[in-house]
Amino acid sequence: MAESKPVSIHIMGNEYHVASPADEVEKLEEAARALDKRMREIKEGGRIMGLERVAVMAALNLSYELLHGESSSLEKDAEFNQRIQKLQEKVDTALAANAQPGLI
């Protein structure tokens, strides 16, 4: 088994310290850069505020792509965007229902 190595990654201006097998550090750093890019794109879209919500939307996007592959046609892209929009609304509703004043 590969020995773990401490790694510092940066996502949305925050530093996270994680352990990674030494032979997987480069892949972890690449994944962190991709996640950071995706989260920044979502945040720059302007509709989603708060790091938690941005992270949830990025996770949904990445999970969908992993499960269903990248969509290539415009029709699939539009359908994907509609599904993400509906999921975003559900996440917003759930977070608002469980929100404590001053936390969001």
C-alpha atoms as a PDB file:
ATOM      1  CA  MET A   1       0.000   0.000   0.000  1.00  0.00           C
ATOM      2  CA  ALA A   2       1.278   3.486  -0.873  1.00  0.00           C
ATOM      3  CA  GLU A   3       2.329   5.735   1.962  1.00  0.00           C
ATOM      4  CA  SER A   4       0.144   8.809   2.613  1.00  0.00           C
ATOM      5  CA  LYS A   5       1.563  12.250   2.087  1.00  0.00           C
ATOM      6  CA  PRO A   6       0.113  15.524   3.422  1.00  0.00           C
ATOM      7  CA  VAL A   7      -1.066  17.801   0.613  1.00  0.00           C
ATOM      8  CA  SER A   8      -2.365  21.363   0.685  1.00  0.00           C
ATOM      9  CA  ILE A   9      -5.006  22.201  -1.903  1.00  0.00           C
ATOM     10  CA  HIS A  10      -6.765  25.503  -2.528  1.00  0.00           C
ATOM     11  CA  ILE A  11     -10.424  25.795  -3.447  1.00  0.00           C
ATOM     12  CA  MET A  12     -12.260  29.116  -3.668  1.00  0.00           C
ATOM     13  CA  GLY A  13      -9.516  30.869  -1.736  1.00  0.00           C
ATOM     14  CA  ASN A  14      -9.554  28.366   1.113  1.00  0.00           C
ATOM     15  CA  GLU A  15      -6.682  26.047   1.932  1.00  0.00           C
ATOM     16  CA  TYR A  16      -7.427  22.431   2.788  1.00  0.00           C
ATOM     17  CA  HIS A  17      -4.939  19.913   4.150  1.00  0.00           C
ATOM     18  CA  VAL A  18      -5.580  16.348   3.053  1.00  0.00           C
ATOM     19  CA  ALA A  19      -3.679  13.089   3.004  1.00  0.00           C
ATOM     20  CA  SER A  20      -3.055  11.358  -0.293  1.00  0.00           C
ATOM     21  CA  PRO A  21      -1.096   8.342  -1.426  1.00  0.00           C
ATOM     22  CA  ALA A  22       2.233   9.701  -2.672  1.00  0.00           C
ATOM     23  CA  ASP A  23       1.643   8.352  -6.172  1.00  0.00           C
ATOM     24  CA  GLU A  24      -1.785  10.081  -6.389  1.00  0.00           C
ATOM     25  CA  VAL A  25      -0.801  13.632  -5.329  1.00  0.00           C
ATOM     26  CA  GLU A  26      -0.678  14.991  -8.874  1.00  0.00           C
ATOM     27  CA  LYS A  27      -4.150  13.605  -9.643  1.00  0.00           C
ATOM     28  CA  LEU A  28      -5.522  15.061  -6.395  1.00  0.00           C
ATOM     29  CA  GLU A  29      -4.089  18.482  -7.216  1.00  0.00           C
ATOM     30  CA  GLU A  30      -5.548  18.267 -10.726  1.00  0.00           C
ATOM     31  CA  ALA A  31      -8.956  17.358  -9.273  1.00  0.00           C
ATOM     32  CA  ALA A  32      -8.746  20.287  -6.831  1.00  0.00           C
ATOM     33  CA  ARG A  33      -7.940  22.698  -9.671  1.00  0.00           C
ATOM     34  CA  ALA A  34     -10.869  21.365 -11.721  1.00  0.00           C
ATOM     35  CA  LEU A  35     -13.236  21.690  -8.749  1.00  0.00           C
ATOM     36  CA  ASP A  36     -11.993  25.201  -8.005  1.00  0.00           C
ATOM     37  CA  LYS A  37     -12.555  26.194 -11.637  1.00  0.00           C
ATOM     38  CA  ARG A  38     -16.052  24.703 -11.694  1.00  0.00           C
ATOM     39  CA  MET A  39     -17.043  26.381  -8.420  1.00  0.00           C
ATOM     40  CA  ARG A  40     -15.727  29.755  -9.597  1.00  0.00           C
ATOM     41  CA  GLU A  41     -17.709  29.438 -12.841  1.00  0.00           C
ATOM     42  CA  ILE A  42     -20.882  28.697 -10.883  1.00  0.00           C
ATOM     43  CA  LYS A  43     -20.291  31.590  -8.489  1.00  0.00           C
ATOM     44  CA  GLU A  44     -19.517  33.986 -11.355  1.00  0.00           C
ATOM     45  CA  GLY A  45     -22.839  32.980 -12.927  1.00  0.00           C
ATOM     46  CA  GLY A  46     -24.305  35.213 -10.232  1.00  0.00           C
ATOM     47  CA  ARG A  47     -27.384  33.220  -9.240  1.00  0.00           C
ATOM     48  CA  ILE A  48     -25.896  31.158  -6.448  1.00  0.00           C
ATOM     49  CA  MET A  49     -24.502  32.724  -3.321  1.00  0.00           C
ATOM     50  CA  GLY A  50     -22.694  31.051  -0.470  1.00  0.00           C
ATOM     51  CA  LEU A  51     -19.862  28.576  -0.587  1.00  0.00           C
ATOM     52  CA  GLU A  52     -22.051  25.661   0.521  1.00  0.00           C
ATOM     53  CA  ARG A  53     -24.566  26.166  -2.271  1.00  0.00           C
ATOM     54  CA  VAL A  54     -21.817  26.627  -4.857  1.00  0.00           C
ATOM     55  CA  ALA A  55     -20.200  23.387  -3.645  1.00  0.00           C
ATOM     56  CA  VAL A  56     -23.508  21.490  -3.844  1.00  0.00           C
ATOM     57  CA  MET A  57     -24.137  22.688  -7.394  1.00  0.00           C
ATOM     58  CA  ALA A  58     -20.596  21.800  -8.453  1.00  0.00           C
ATOM     59  CA  ALA A  59     -21.009  18.362  -6.893  1.00  0.00           C
ATOM     60  CA  LEU A  60     -24.310  17.846  -8.712  1.00  0.00           C
ATOM     61  CA  ASN A  61     -22.781  18.902 -12.021  1.00  0.00           C
ATOM     62  CA  LEU A  62     -19.766  16.651 -11.618  1.00  0.00           C
ATOM     63  CA  SER A  63     -21.843  13.721 -10.392  1.00  0.00           C
ATOM     64  CA  TYR A  64     -24.225  14.032 -13.310  1.00  0.00           C
ATOM     65  CA  GLU A  65     -21.346  14.163 -15.774  1.00  0.00           C
ATOM     66  CA  LEU A  66     -19.712  11.161 -14.152  1.00  0.00           C
ATOM     67  CA  LEU A  67     -22.895   9.105 -14.228  1.00  0.00           C
ATOM     68  CA  HIS A  68     -24.147  10.142 -17.657  1.00  0.00           C
ATOM     69  CA  GLY A  69     -21.097  11.343 -19.557  1.00  0.00           C
ATOM     70  CA  GLU A  70     -20.538  14.729 -21.106  1.00  0.00           C
ATOM     71  CA  SER A  71     -23.485  15.816 -23.241  1.00  0.00           C
ATOM     72  CA  SER A  72     -22.502  16.856 -26.731  1.00  0.00           C
ATOM     73  CA  SER A  73     -25.684  18.054 -28.393  1.00  0.00           C
ATOM     74  CA  LEU A  74     -27.384  21.372 -27.719  1.00  0.00           C
ATOM     75  CA  GLU A  75     -30.624  19.553 -26.899  1.00  0.00           C
ATOM     76  CA  LYS A  76     -28.915  17.485 -24.218  1.00  0.00           C
ATOM     77  CA  ASP A  77     -27.196  20.605 -22.882  1.00  0.00           C
ATOM     78  CA  ALA A  78     -30.540  22.399 -22.578  1.00  0.00           C
ATOM     79  CA  GLU A  79     -32.106  19.380 -20.874  1.00  0.00           C
ATOM     80  CA  PHE A  80     -29.147  19.139 -18.521  1.00  0.00           C
ATOM     81  CA  ASN A  81     -29.388  22.842 -17.661  1.00  0.00           C
ATOM     82  CA  GLN A  82     -33.111  22.491 -16.941  1.00  0.00           C
ATOM     83  CA  ARG A  83     -32.464  19.534 -14.633  1.00  0.00           C
ATOM     84  CA  ILE A  84     -29.708  21.435 -12.842  1.00  0.00           C
ATOM     85  CA  GLN A  85     -32.005  24.461 -12.471  1.00  0.00           C
ATOM     86  CA  LYS A  86     -34.708  22.279 -10.887  1.00  0.00           C
ATOM     87  CA  LEU A  87     -32.153  20.677  -8.574  1.00  0.00           C
ATOM     88  CA  GLN A  88     -30.846  24.130  -7.656  1.00  0.00           C
ATOM     89  CA  GLU A  89     -34.363  25.238  -6.732  1.00  0.00           C
ATOM     90  CA  LYS A  90     -34.832  22.134  -4.572  1.00  0.00           C
ATOM     91  CA  VAL A  91     -31.497  22.723  -2.827  1.00  0.00           C
ATOM     92  CA  ASP A  92     -32.378  26.384  -2.224  1.00  0.00           C
ATOM     93  CA  THR A  93     -35.784  25.412  -0.813  1.00  0.00           C
ATOM     94  CA  ALA A  94     -34.294  22.758   1.460  1.00  0.00           C
ATOM     95  CA  LEU A  95     -31.559  25.075   2.704  1.00  0.00           C
ATOM     96  CA  ALA A  96     -34.022  27.907   3.314  1.00  0.00           C
ATOM     97  CA  ALA A  97     -36.341  25.588   5.250  1.00  0.00           C
ATOM     98  CA  ASN A  98     -33.499  24.440   7.492  1.00  0.00           C
ATOM     99  CA  ALA A  99     -31.685  27.767   7.740  1.00  0.00           C
ATOM    100  CA  GLN A 100     -30.934  29.331  11.060  1.00  0.00           C
ATOM    101  CA  PRO A 101     -30.842  33.134  11.110  1.00  0.00           C
ATOM    102  CA  GLY A 102     -27.391  34.490  10.408  1.00  0.00           C
ATOM    103  CA  LEU A 103     -25.929  31.276   8.977  1.00  0.00           C
ATOM    104  CA  ILE A 104     -26.743  31.761   5.306  1.00  0.00           C
END
